[in-house]
Amino acid sequence: MSNALIFPELDWKREGAIHRHAPAERAGAFSCLDGEQTEREFVQTIFTLAWATKARRMLETGVAGGLTTRALAQAARLNGGIVTAVEMESRFLREDFFEPEYRDVIRKVQAESLDFLATTNDEFDFVFLDTDLYCRARELELLLERRLLTPGALVCVHDASRFRDEYVHDGSREFWTAFEAMRPRIAAVIEIHLSRGLLILQPLRP
């Protein structure tokens, strides 16, 4: 089974040993690398969704350690597409930040995500939002308001567990309040409230 997973060579650890969690999130059943990377299960989910939907124009906001960027790059390679990765940190711009096999399918943009989304004219058919939770609701609003999503596009939002507000105050409550106001513009929603949580949504077609 491990051969079917991406990044099997990495030294995965138990999510519950790295981050605080509510019991209902079952963090002990999840794996992660360190404090800044997305859980293994969600990295796999994001890769599979991007690959299965044959997305070619992908967007990630908030690169951090770059694991999900690499996963999306693998899907982009299979689909004949490209990943636009938006991040403010200067280390992200280093030539060696990504391995050579990923560089031709990753377009690096050093910018605040909200500034990028407010000015770009690009359209995307798969989006992964992983900046600060305080930003993510506005990121989603801009994607919808400016019609930056192609028909049938998927948007995934990390750190979306509804239990987060029980143990950390990082904008989770504000995100969900804003998201509920956007629901009339959303066609389909899957809420995964295990571990740090993943929200998968498909906006209504314009």
C-alpha atoms as a PDB file:
ATOM      1  CA  MET A   1       0.000   0.000   0.000  1.00  0.00           C
ATOM      2  CA  SER A   2       2.842   2.412   0.790  1.00  0.00           C
ATOM      3  CA  ASN A   3       3.958   2.274  -2.865  1.00  0.00           C
ATOM      4  CA  ALA A   4       0.693   3.975  -3.837  1.00  0.00           C
ATOM      5  CA  LEU A   5       1.465   7.005  -1.665  1.00  0.00           C
ATOM      6  CA  ILE A   6       3.546   9.996  -2.683  1.00  0.00           C
ATOM      7  CA  PHE A   7       6.666  10.838  -0.676  1.00  0.00           C
ATOM      8  CA  PRO A   8       6.977   7.380   0.992  1.00  0.00           C
ATOM      9  CA  GLU A   9      10.675   8.061   1.632  1.00  0.00           C
ATOM     10  CA  LEU A  10      10.080  10.896   4.113  1.00  0.00           C
ATOM     11  CA  ASP A  11      10.347  10.524   7.890  1.00  0.00           C
ATOM     12  CA  TRP A  12       6.697  10.927   8.836  1.00  0.00           C
ATOM     13  CA  LYS A  13       5.746  11.544  12.469  1.00  0.00           C
ATOM     14  CA  ARG A  14       2.480  11.441  14.382  1.00  0.00           C
ATOM     15  CA  GLU A  15       0.475  14.626  13.938  1.00  0.00           C
ATOM     16  CA  GLY A  16      -0.703  14.493  17.551  1.00  0.00           C
ATOM     17  CA  ALA A  17       2.896  14.774  18.764  1.00  0.00           C
ATOM     18  CA  ILE A  18       3.495  17.966  16.749  1.00  0.00           C
ATOM     19  CA  HIS A  19       0.310  20.039  17.098  1.00  0.00           C
ATOM     20  CA  ARG A  20      -2.378  20.566  19.721  1.00  0.00           C
ATOM     21  CA  HIS A  21      -5.748  19.061  18.869  1.00  0.00           C
ATOM     22  CA  ALA A  22      -9.241  18.456  20.151  1.00  0.00           C
ATOM     23  CA  PRO A  23      -9.953  14.741  20.831  1.00  0.00           C
ATOM     24  CA  ALA A  24     -12.600  14.679  18.102  1.00  0.00           C
ATOM     25  CA  GLU A  25      -9.944  15.504  15.496  1.00  0.00           C
ATOM     26  CA  ARG A  26      -8.252  12.097  16.011  1.00  0.00           C
ATOM     27  CA  ALA A  27      -4.804  13.558  15.373  1.00  0.00           C
ATOM     28  CA  GLY A  28      -3.093  10.368  16.535  1.00  0.00           C
ATOM     29  CA  ALA A  29      -4.248   8.656  13.355  1.00  0.00           C
ATOM     30  CA  PHE A  30      -2.584  11.269  11.114  1.00  0.00           C
ATOM     31  CA  SER A  31       1.021  11.824  10.048  1.00  0.00           C
ATOM     32  CA  CYS A  32       3.090  14.936   9.358  1.00  0.00           C
ATOM     33  CA  LEU A  33       6.731  15.922   8.890  1.00  0.00           C
ATOM     34  CA  ASP A  34       7.054  18.942  11.148  1.00  0.00           C
ATOM     35  CA  GLY A  35       5.241  22.004  12.432  1.00  0.00           C
ATOM     36  CA  GLU A  36       4.825  23.773   9.107  1.00  0.00           C
ATOM     37  CA  GLN A  37       3.946  21.015   6.631  1.00  0.00           C
ATOM     38  CA  THR A  38       0.492  19.721   5.732  1.00  0.00           C
ATOM     39  CA  GLU A  39      -0.516  16.287   7.019  1.00  0.00           C
ATOM     40  CA  ARG A  40       0.444  13.336   4.833  1.00  0.00           C
ATOM     41  CA  GLU A  41      -3.173  12.298   4.352  1.00  0.00           C
ATOM     42  CA  PHE A  42      -4.152  15.743   3.084  1.00  0.00           C
ATOM     43  CA  VAL A  43      -1.069  16.040   0.860  1.00  0.00           C
ATOM     44  CA  GLN A  44      -2.171  12.778  -0.734  1.00  0.00           C
ATOM     45  CA  THR A  45      -5.763  14.031  -1.027  1.00  0.00           C
ATOM     46  CA  ILE A  46      -4.709  17.267  -2.707  1.00  0.00           C
ATOM     47  CA  PHE A  47      -2.478  15.425  -5.175  1.00  0.00           C
ATOM     48  CA  THR A  48      -5.218  12.922  -6.011  1.00  0.00           C
ATOM     49  CA  LEU A  49      -7.913  15.572  -6.493  1.00  0.00           C
ATOM     50  CA  ALA A  50      -5.699  17.700  -8.726  1.00  0.00           C
ATOM     51  CA  TRP A  51      -4.677  14.655 -10.758  1.00  0.00           C
ATOM     52  CA  ALA A  52      -8.174  13.149 -10.986  1.00  0.00           C
ATOM     53  CA  THR A  53      -9.775  16.411 -12.140  1.00  0.00           C
ATOM     54  CA  LYS A  54      -6.995  16.884 -14.722  1.00  0.00           C
ATOM     55  CA  ALA A  55      -6.367  20.389 -13.441  1.00  0.00           C
ATOM     56  CA  ARG A  56      -3.767  22.241 -15.482  1.00  0.00           C
ATOM     57  CA  ARG A  57      -3.812  25.713 -13.946  1.00  0.00           C
ATOM     58  CA  MET A  58      -3.220  25.281 -10.231  1.00  0.00           C
ATOM     59  CA  LEU A  59      -2.733  27.877  -7.499  1.00  0.00           C
ATOM     60  CA  GLU A  60      -1.292  27.546  -4.015  1.00  0.00           C
ATOM     61  CA  THR A  61      -1.203  30.387  -1.492  1.00  0.00           C
ATOM     62  CA  GLY A  62       1.201  29.853   1.399  1.00  0.00           C
ATOM     63  CA  VAL A  63       4.077  27.588   0.389  1.00  0.00           C
ATOM     64  CA  ALA A  64       5.793  27.145   3.790  1.00  0.00           C
ATOM     65  CA  GLY A  65       8.033  24.066   3.467  1.00  0.00           C
ATOM     66  CA  GLY A  66       6.826  23.339  -0.046  1.00  0.00           C
ATOM     67  CA  LEU A  67       5.520  19.793   0.411  1.00  0.00           C
ATOM     68  CA  THR A  68       2.066  20.478  -1.021  1.00  0.00           C
ATOM     69  CA  THR A  69       3.675  22.519  -3.795  1.00  0.00           C
ATOM     70  CA  ARG A  70       5.698  19.455  -4.757  1.00  0.00           C
ATOM     71  CA  ALA A  71       2.561  17.288  -4.638  1.00  0.00           C
ATOM     72  CA  LEU A  72       0.717  19.698  -6.917  1.00  0.00           C
ATOM     73  CA  ALA A  73       3.762  19.821  -9.186  1.00  0.00           C
ATOM     74  CA  GLN A  74       3.590  16.042  -9.564  1.00  0.00           C
ATOM     75  CA  ALA A  75      -0.072  16.343 -10.569  1.00  0.00           C
ATOM     76  CA  ALA A  76       0.784  19.212 -12.915  1.00  0.00           C
ATOM     77  CA  ARG A  77       3.432  17.057 -14.584  1.00  0.00           C
ATOM     78  CA  LEU A  78       0.918  14.253 -15.139  1.00  0.00           C
ATOM     79  CA  ASN A  79      -1.756  16.670 -16.374  1.00  0.00           C
ATOM     80  CA  GLY A  80       0.485  18.819 -18.551  1.00  0.00           C
ATOM     81  CA  GLY A  81      -0.067  21.880 -16.366  1.00  0.00           C
ATOM     82  CA  ILE A  82       1.657  24.326 -14.047  1.00  0.00           C
ATOM     83  CA  VAL A  83       1.430  25.401 -10.397  1.00  0.00           C
ATOM     84  CA  THR A  84       1.451  29.085  -9.462  1.00  0.00           C
ATOM     85  CA  ALA A  85       2.861  29.207  -5.923  1.00  0.00           C
ATOM     86  CA  VAL A  86       2.394  32.484  -4.025  1.00  0.00           C
ATOM     87  CA  GLU A  87       4.519  33.161  -0.936  1.00  0.00           C
ATOM     88  CA  MET A  88       6.078  36.189   0.773  1.00  0.00           C
ATOM     89  CA  GLU A  89       9.141  34.591   2.421  1.00  0.00           C
ATOM     90  CA  SER A  90      12.411  35.271   0.609  1.00  0.00           C
ATOM     91  CA  ARG A  91      13.761  31.716   1.138  1.00  0.00           C
ATOM     92  CA  PHE A  92      11.061  30.606  -1.278  1.00  0.00           C
ATOM     93  CA  LEU A  93      12.854  32.500  -4.075  1.00  0.00           C
ATOM     94  CA  ARG A  94      16.111  30.578  -3.708  1.00  0.00           C
ATOM     95  CA  GLU A  95      16.997  28.681  -6.853  1.00  0.00           C
ATOM     96  CA  ASP A  96      17.497  25.480  -4.852  1.00  0.00           C
ATOM     97  CA  PHE A  97      14.263  25.713  -2.811  1.00  0.00           C
ATOM     98  CA  PHE A  98      12.670  23.156  -5.148  1.00  0.00           C
ATOM     99  CA  GLU A  99      14.486  20.201  -6.644  1.00  0.00           C
ATOM    100  CA  PRO A 100      15.325  20.400 -10.390  1.00  0.00           C
ATOM    101  CA  GLU A 101      12.585  17.957 -11.378  1.00  0.00           C
ATOM    102  CA  TYR A 102       9.915  20.373 -10.126  1.00  0.00           C
ATOM    103  CA  ARG A 103      11.190  23.718 -11.360  1.00  0.00           C
ATOM    104  CA  ASP A 104       9.682  23.735 -14.843  1.00  0.00           C
ATOM    105  CA  VAL A 105       6.151  23.132 -13.518  1.00  0.00           C
ATOM    106  CA  ILE A 106       6.254  25.622 -10.616  1.00  0.00           C
ATOM    107  CA  ARG A 107       5.818  29.333 -11.225  1.00  0.00           C
ATOM    108  CA  LYS A 108       7.015  31.162  -8.103  1.00  0.00           C
ATOM    109  CA  VAL A 109       5.410  34.482  -7.170  1.00  0.00           C
ATOM    110  CA  GLN A 110       6.700  36.464  -4.190  1.00  0.00           C
ATOM    111  CA  ALA A 111       3.683  38.486  -3.070  1.00  0.00           C
ATOM    112  CA  GLU A 112       1.001  38.826  -0.455  1.00  0.00           C
ATOM    113  CA  SER A 113      -1.743  36.446  -1.508  1.00  0.00           C
ATOM    114  CA  LEU A 114      -4.464  39.090  -1.256  1.00  0.00           C
ATOM    115  CA  ASP A 115      -2.475  41.495  -3.431  1.00  0.00           C
ATOM    116  CA  PHE A 116      -1.901  38.770  -5.999  1.00  0.00           C
ATOM    117  CA  LEU A 117      -5.563  37.756  -6.124  1.00  0.00           C
ATOM    118  CA  ALA A 118      -6.686  41.381  -6.330  1.00  0.00           C
ATOM    119  CA  THR A 119      -4.563  42.057  -9.410  1.00  0.00           C
ATOM    120  CA  THR A 120      -4.046  38.838 -11.373  1.00  0.00           C
ATOM    121  CA  ASN A 121      -6.083  38.069 -14.469  1.00  0.00           C
ATOM    122  CA  ASP A 122      -5.154  34.386 -14.409  1.00  0.00           C
ATOM    123  CA  GLU A 123      -7.851  31.736 -14.050  1.00  0.00           C
ATOM    124  CA  PHE A 124      -7.387  28.528 -12.089  1.00  0.00           C
ATOM    125  CA  ASP A 125      -9.042  25.117 -12.079  1.00  0.00           C
ATOM    126  CA  PHE A 126      -7.535  23.911  -8.779  1.00  0.00           C
ATOM    127  CA  VAL A 127      -6.679  26.055  -5.743  1.00  0.00           C
ATOM    128  CA  PHE A 128      -5.102  25.190  -2.389  1.00  0.00           C
ATOM    129  CA  LEU A 129      -5.364  27.940   0.249  1.00  0.00           C
ATOM    130  CA  ASP A 130      -2.850  27.575   3.089  1.00  0.00           C
ATOM    131  CA  THR A 131      -1.947  31.072   4.285  1.00  0.00           C
ATOM    132  CA  ASP A 132      -3.072  32.527   7.630  1.00  0.00           C
ATOM    133  CA  LEU A 133      -6.691  31.674   8.381  1.00  0.00           C
ATOM    134  CA  TYR A 134      -7.383  35.384   8.745  1.00  0.00           C
ATOM    135  CA  CYS A 135      -6.585  35.725   5.016  1.00  0.00           C
ATOM    136  CA  ARG A 136      -8.287  32.664   3.613  1.00  0.00           C
ATOM    137  CA  ALA A 137     -11.874  33.854   3.675  1.00  0.00           C
ATOM    138  CA  ARG A 138     -10.891  36.999   1.780  1.00  0.00           C
ATOM    139  CA  GLU A 139      -8.819  34.897  -0.640  1.00  0.00           C
ATOM    140  CA  LEU A 140     -11.906  32.828  -1.387  1.00  0.00           C
ATOM    141  CA  GLU A 141     -14.015  35.967  -1.767  1.00  0.00           C
ATOM    142  CA  LEU A 142     -11.574  37.367  -4.321  1.00  0.00           C
ATOM    143  CA  LEU A 143     -11.539  34.112  -6.264  1.00  0.00           C
ATOM    144  CA  LEU A 144     -15.333  34.249  -6.469  1.00  0.00           C
ATOM    145  CA  GLU A 145     -15.805  37.990  -6.947  1.00  0.00           C
ATOM    146  CA  ARG A 146     -13.160  38.335  -9.648  1.00  0.00           C
ATOM    147  CA  ARG A 147     -14.182  35.102 -11.381  1.00  0.00           C
ATOM    148  CA  LEU A 148     -10.702  33.638 -11.202  1.00  0.00           C
ATOM    149  CA  LEU A 149     -12.029  30.058 -11.141  1.00  0.00           C
ATOM    150  CA  THR A 150     -12.803  28.053 -14.256  1.00  0.00           C
ATOM    151  CA  PRO A 151     -16.137  26.170 -14.459  1.00  0.00           C
ATOM    152  CA  GLY A 152     -15.924  23.078 -12.256  1.00  0.00           C
ATOM    153  CA  ALA A 153     -12.825  24.283 -10.390  1.00  0.00           C
ATOM    154  CA  LEU A 154     -12.056  22.880  -6.941  1.00  0.00           C
ATOM    155  CA  VAL A 155     -10.829  24.912  -3.963  1.00  0.00           C
ATOM    156  CA  CYS A 156      -9.238  23.246  -0.924  1.00  0.00           C
ATOM    157  CA  VAL A 157      -8.749  25.134   2.351  1.00  0.00           C
ATOM    158  CA  HIS A 158      -6.365  23.722   4.955  1.00  0.00           C
ATOM    159  CA  ASP A 159      -6.688  24.131   8.764  1.00  0.00           C
ATOM    160  CA  ALA A 160     -10.460  24.102   8.406  1.00  0.00           C
ATOM    161  CA  SER A 161     -11.458  21.936  11.370  1.00  0.00           C
ATOM    162  CA  ARG A 162     -14.455  23.411  13.178  1.00  0.00           C
ATOM    163  CA  PHE A 163     -12.903  22.177  16.443  1.00  0.00           C
ATOM    164  CA  ARG A 164      -9.846  24.467  16.169  1.00  0.00           C
ATOM    165  CA  ASP A 165     -11.499  27.263  18.117  1.00  0.00           C
ATOM    166  CA  GLU A 166     -11.555  25.008  21.196  1.00  0.00           C
ATOM    167  CA  TYR A 167      -7.782  25.149  21.619  1.00  0.00           C
ATOM    168  CA  VAL A 168      -6.306  27.895  19.408  1.00  0.00           C
ATOM    169  CA  HIS A 169      -7.497  31.349  18.366  1.00  0.00           C
ATOM    170  CA  ASP A 170      -6.097  31.809  14.882  1.00  0.00           C
ATOM    171  CA  GLY A 171      -9.049  33.139  12.923  1.00  0.00           C
ATOM    172  CA  SER A 172     -10.962  29.870  12.630  1.00  0.00           C
ATOM    173  CA  ARG A 173     -14.230  31.286  13.965  1.00  0.00           C
ATOM    174  CA  GLU A 174     -13.957  34.348  11.734  1.00  0.00           C
ATOM    175  CA  PHE A 175     -13.227  32.151   8.720  1.00  0.00           C
ATOM    176  CA  TRP A 176     -16.324  30.043   9.226  1.00  0.00           C
ATOM    177  CA  THR A 177     -18.525  33.094   9.771  1.00  0.00           C
ATOM    178  CA  ALA A 178     -17.314  34.563   6.491  1.00  0.00           C
ATOM    179  CA  PHE A 179     -17.595  31.222   4.709  1.00  0.00           C
ATOM    180  CA  GLU A 180     -21.222  30.734   5.724  1.00  0.00           C
ATOM    181  CA  ALA A 181     -22.005  34.095   4.107  1.00  0.00           C
ATOM    182  CA  MET A 182     -20.466  32.781   0.864  1.00  0.00           C
ATOM    183  CA  ARG A 183     -22.358  29.473   0.849  1.00  0.00           C
ATOM    184  CA  PRO A 184     -25.019  30.641  -1.637  1.00  0.00           C
ATOM    185  CA  ARG A 185     -22.208  30.852  -4.217  1.00  0.00           C
ATOM    186  CA  ILE A 186     -20.921  27.341  -3.468  1.00  0.00           C
ATOM    187  CA  ALA A 187     -22.300  24.315  -5.317  1.00  0.00           C
ATOM    188  CA  ALA A 188     -20.724  21.516  -3.278  1.00  0.00           C
ATOM    189  CA  VAL A 189     -18.871  21.304   0.035  1.00  0.00           C
ATOM    190  CA  ILE A 190     -16.988  18.520   1.803  1.00  0.00           C
ATOM    191  CA  GLU A 191     -15.891  19.338   5.351  1.00  0.00           C
ATOM    192  CA  ILE A 192     -13.217  17.112   6.885  1.00  0.00           C
ATOM    193  CA  HIS A 193     -12.834  18.013  10.549  1.00  0.00           C
ATOM    194  CA  LEU A 194     -10.206  15.411  11.409  1.00  0.00           C
ATOM    195  CA  SER A 195      -6.670  16.527  12.295  1.00  0.00           C
ATOM    196  CA  ARG A 196      -6.183  20.177  11.256  1.00  0.00           C
ATOM    197  CA  GLY A 197      -9.064  19.873   8.838  1.00  0.00           C
ATOM    198  CA  LEU A 198      -9.598  20.230   5.102  1.00  0.00           C
ATOM    199  CA  LEU A 199     -12.459  22.009   3.352  1.00  0.00           C
ATOM    200  CA  ILE A 200     -13.095  20.988  -0.257  1.00  0.00           C
ATOM    201  CA  LEU A 201     -15.535  23.065  -2.256  1.00  0.00           C
ATOM    202  CA  GLN A 202     -16.752  23.656  -5.781  1.00  0.00           C
ATOM    203  CA  PRO A 203     -18.228  27.074  -6.553  1.00  0.00           C
ATOM    204  CA  LEU A 204     -21.385  27.491  -8.593  1.00  0.00           C
ATOM    205  CA  ARG A 205     -20.740  27.905 -12.283  1.00  0.00           C
ATOM    206  CA  PRO A 206     -20.881  31.589 -13.281  1.00  0.00           C
END
